[in-house]
Amino acid sequence: MRTISLTININSKTLILLVSILVAVIGGKNIRDSYAQTTANPFTGSCGLIQNYNHFGWNTALSGSSGNGSNGLLYINFDTKTVSGITNNINNFNLSNTSESQDIVQTIPFSIKNGPIATTFTLSIKTVSGTFSLHIMPVNGGQTFLVISGDTSTPNTGICQKI
């Protein structure tokens, strides 16, 4: 009977390399594609909105108003479909007696529907002086909303971050 003897000389570097290749092959077979996190319904909970009203001058002349908003900080509650906040205003814009004021926006209701383009939505907010709208686009997995005015006579932009 013949015996065959096989001697394998493996040093530690070769062993580490072989184990690393084995782990990479097994790991590669188990890795799934990863995608950005999304939220099925981003309109839950609430968000804090900071807005800049970019309509000094021409909007005042257009509307015949002597007041003009400059910026706002709003709290949007998607569960109760209400909004509240603070707006800073310029009174008697472009006149010699210009002054500033701040309005507290009491809790007012809004409705939401699909927006004018894909992935956007429109909030319609009813106020004492009428209804205004905001177009919003959820980003960052529904944690952040990009916001613009839905009304060209009062252009504004903002970002709403989930609270």
Protein backbone atom coordinates (compact mmCIF):
# COMPACT_ATOMS: atom_id res chain seq x y z
CA MET A 1 0.00 0.00 0.00
CA ARG A 2 1.24 3.38 -0.91
CA THR A 3 0.86 6.42 1.21
CA ILE A 4 0.74 9.84 -0.21
CA SER A 5 1.84 12.63 1.94
CA LEU A 6 0.86 16.21 1.22
CA THR A 7 2.41 19.07 3.05
CA ILE A 8 0.87 22.53 2.80
CA ASN A 9 2.89 25.45 3.96
CA ILE A 10 0.52 28.34 4.80
CA ASN A 11 1.89 31.35 6.54
CA SER A 12 -0.30 33.78 8.50
CA LYS A 13 -0.50 36.31 5.64
CA THR A 14 -1.84 33.69 3.24
CA LEU A 15 -4.34 32.46 5.83
CA ILE A 16 -5.62 35.99 6.45
CA LEU A 17 -5.92 36.54 2.71
CA LEU A 18 -7.89 33.31 2.21
CA VAL A 19 -10.25 34.09 5.11
CA SER A 20 -10.76 37.65 3.80
CA ILE A 21 -11.64 36.34 0.33
CA LEU A 22 -14.05 33.81 1.84
CA VAL A 23 -15.77 36.53 3.96
CA ALA A 24 -15.99 38.86 0.93
CA VAL A 25 -17.56 36.14 -1.25
CA ILE A 26 -20.10 35.14 1.42
CA GLY A 27 -20.83 38.78 2.30
CA GLY A 28 -21.21 39.76 -1.37
CA LYS A 29 -23.82 37.06 -1.88
CA ASN A 30 -25.84 38.31 1.12
CA ILE A 31 -25.75 42.07 0.45
CA ARG A 32 -29.00 43.51 -0.84
CA ASP A 33 -29.43 46.69 -2.84
CA SER A 34 -29.87 49.69 -0.57
CA TYR A 35 -32.23 52.53 -1.33
CA ALA A 36 -32.96 55.92 0.17
CA GLN A 37 -35.40 55.67 3.06
CA THR A 38 -38.90 56.75 2.18
CA THR A 39 -42.01 57.28 4.20
CA ALA A 40 -45.31 55.95 2.88
CA ASN A 41 -47.15 58.93 4.34
CA PRO A 42 -44.88 61.86 5.20
CA PHE A 43 -47.89 63.84 6.41
CA THR A 44 -47.94 62.62 9.97
CA GLY A 45 -46.66 64.38 13.06
CA SER A 46 -45.57 67.98 12.70
CA CYS A 47 -42.87 70.17 11.22
CA GLY A 48 -41.34 73.57 11.89
CA LEU A 49 -41.35 75.89 8.87
CA ILE A 50 -39.13 78.91 8.38
CA GLN A 51 -40.24 81.08 5.48
CA ASN A 52 -38.92 84.13 3.71
CA TYR A 53 -41.49 86.29 1.93
CA ASN A 54 -39.74 87.63 -1.16
CA HIS A 55 -42.26 90.22 -2.25
CA PHE A 56 -41.23 93.65 -1.06
CA GLY A 57 -42.25 96.57 -3.20
CA TRP A 58 -43.98 95.19 -6.24
CA ASN A 59 -46.47 93.09 -4.24
CA THR A 60 -47.42 96.08 -2.11
CA ALA A 61 -48.04 98.20 -5.18
CA LEU A 62 -49.92 95.34 -6.85
CA SER A 63 -52.23 94.68 -3.91
CA GLY A 64 -52.64 98.31 -2.89
CA SER A 65 -51.65 97.27 0.61
CA SER A 66 -49.55 99.33 2.96
CA GLY A 67 -48.27 96.23 4.77
CA ASN A 68 -45.92 93.52 3.74
CA GLY A 69 -44.71 90.33 5.38
CA SER A 70 -41.01 89.71 5.58
CA ASN A 71 -40.60 86.27 7.18
CA GLY A 72 -42.37 83.71 9.31
CA LEU A 73 -41.91 80.81 11.66
CA LEU A 74 -44.77 78.34 11.47
CA TYR A 75 -45.74 75.11 13.19
CA ILE A 76 -47.57 72.70 10.88
CA ASN A 77 -49.41 69.82 12.54
CA PHE A 78 -50.30 67.19 9.92
CA ASP A 79 -52.29 65.08 12.39
CA THR A 80 -54.75 67.87 13.27
CA LYS A 81 -54.30 69.63 9.88
CA THR A 82 -53.65 72.97 11.56
CA VAL A 83 -50.97 75.64 11.31
CA SER A 84 -49.91 78.34 13.77
CA GLY A 85 -46.92 80.62 14.12
CA ILE A 86 -45.40 84.10 14.01
CA THR A 87 -44.91 86.46 11.07
CA ASN A 88 -42.82 89.62 10.96
CA ASN A 89 -44.30 92.46 8.95
CA ILE A 90 -43.34 95.77 7.42
CA ASN A 91 -46.15 98.31 7.82
CA ASN A 92 -46.60 101.31 5.52
CA PHE A 93 -43.99 99.91 3.19
CA ASN A 94 -42.32 102.53 1.00
CA LEU A 95 -43.84 105.40 2.99
CA SER A 96 -42.22 107.85 5.39
CA ASN A 97 -43.82 106.23 8.45
CA THR A 98 -42.67 102.66 7.86
CA SER A 99 -42.76 100.45 10.95
CA GLU A 100 -42.41 96.82 11.87
CA SER A 101 -44.85 94.55 13.65
CA GLN A 102 -45.26 90.92 14.50
CA ASP A 103 -48.43 88.85 14.12
CA ILE A 104 -49.23 85.70 16.02
CA VAL A 105 -50.94 83.28 13.67
CA GLN A 106 -53.59 81.50 15.70
CA THR A 107 -54.27 77.85 15.01
CA ILE A 108 -56.01 77.70 11.63
CA PRO A 109 -57.05 74.68 9.55
CA PHE A 110 -55.65 73.57 6.22
CA SER A 111 -56.42 70.91 3.65
CA ILE A 112 -53.91 68.99 1.55
CA LYS A 113 -54.13 67.61 -1.98
CA ASN A 114 -51.81 66.55 -4.80
CA GLY A 115 -49.66 69.39 -6.13
CA PRO A 116 -49.14 70.69 -9.65
CA ILE A 117 -46.16 68.42 -10.43
CA ALA A 118 -45.13 64.90 -9.44
CA THR A 119 -44.02 64.46 -5.81
CA THR A 120 -45.53 67.79 -4.71
CA PHE A 121 -48.55 68.53 -2.57
CA THR A 122 -50.55 71.70 -1.96
CA LEU A 123 -51.65 72.93 1.45
CA SER A 124 -54.65 75.28 1.27
CA ILE A 125 -54.82 77.46 4.37
CA LYS A 126 -57.97 79.46 5.14
CA THR A 127 -57.37 82.80 6.82
CA VAL A 128 -59.58 85.75 7.70
CA SER A 129 -58.49 87.55 4.53
CA GLY A 130 -58.92 84.53 2.24
CA THR A 131 -57.20 81.31 1.30
CA PHE A 132 -53.54 80.99 0.43
CA SER A 133 -51.65 77.90 -0.59
CA LEU A 134 -48.22 76.40 -0.18
CA HIS A 135 -46.67 73.84 -2.53
CA ILE A 136 -44.54 71.36 -0.63
CA MET A 137 -42.15 68.63 -1.73
CA PRO A 138 -41.15 65.93 0.76
CA VAL A 139 -37.41 65.14 0.68
CA ASN A 140 -35.00 63.34 3.00
CA GLY A 141 -37.35 60.37 3.41
CA GLY A 142 -40.26 62.64 4.35
CA GLN A 143 -38.32 64.30 7.18
CA THR A 144 -37.92 67.63 5.38
CA PHE A 145 -40.26 69.60 3.10
CA LEU A 146 -39.22 72.18 0.52
CA VAL A 147 -41.86 74.91 0.41
CA ILE A 148 -42.88 77.65 -2.03
CA SER A 149 -45.97 79.78 -2.29
CA GLY A 150 -48.84 78.50 -4.36
CA ASP A 151 -49.83 82.08 -5.12
CA THR A 152 -47.71 84.20 -7.46
CA SER A 153 -48.80 87.45 -5.84
CA THR A 154 -47.05 86.51 -2.58
CA PRO A 155 -43.92 84.56 -3.51
CA ASN A 156 -42.10 82.94 -0.63
CA THR A 157 -39.78 80.05 0.02
CA GLY A 158 -39.01 77.94 3.03
CA ILE A 159 -37.99 74.66 4.58
CA CYS A 160 -40.09 72.64 7.02
CA GLN A 161 -38.26 70.09 9.18
CA LYS A 162 -40.08 67.29 11.03
CA ILE A 163 -40.23 67.80 14.77
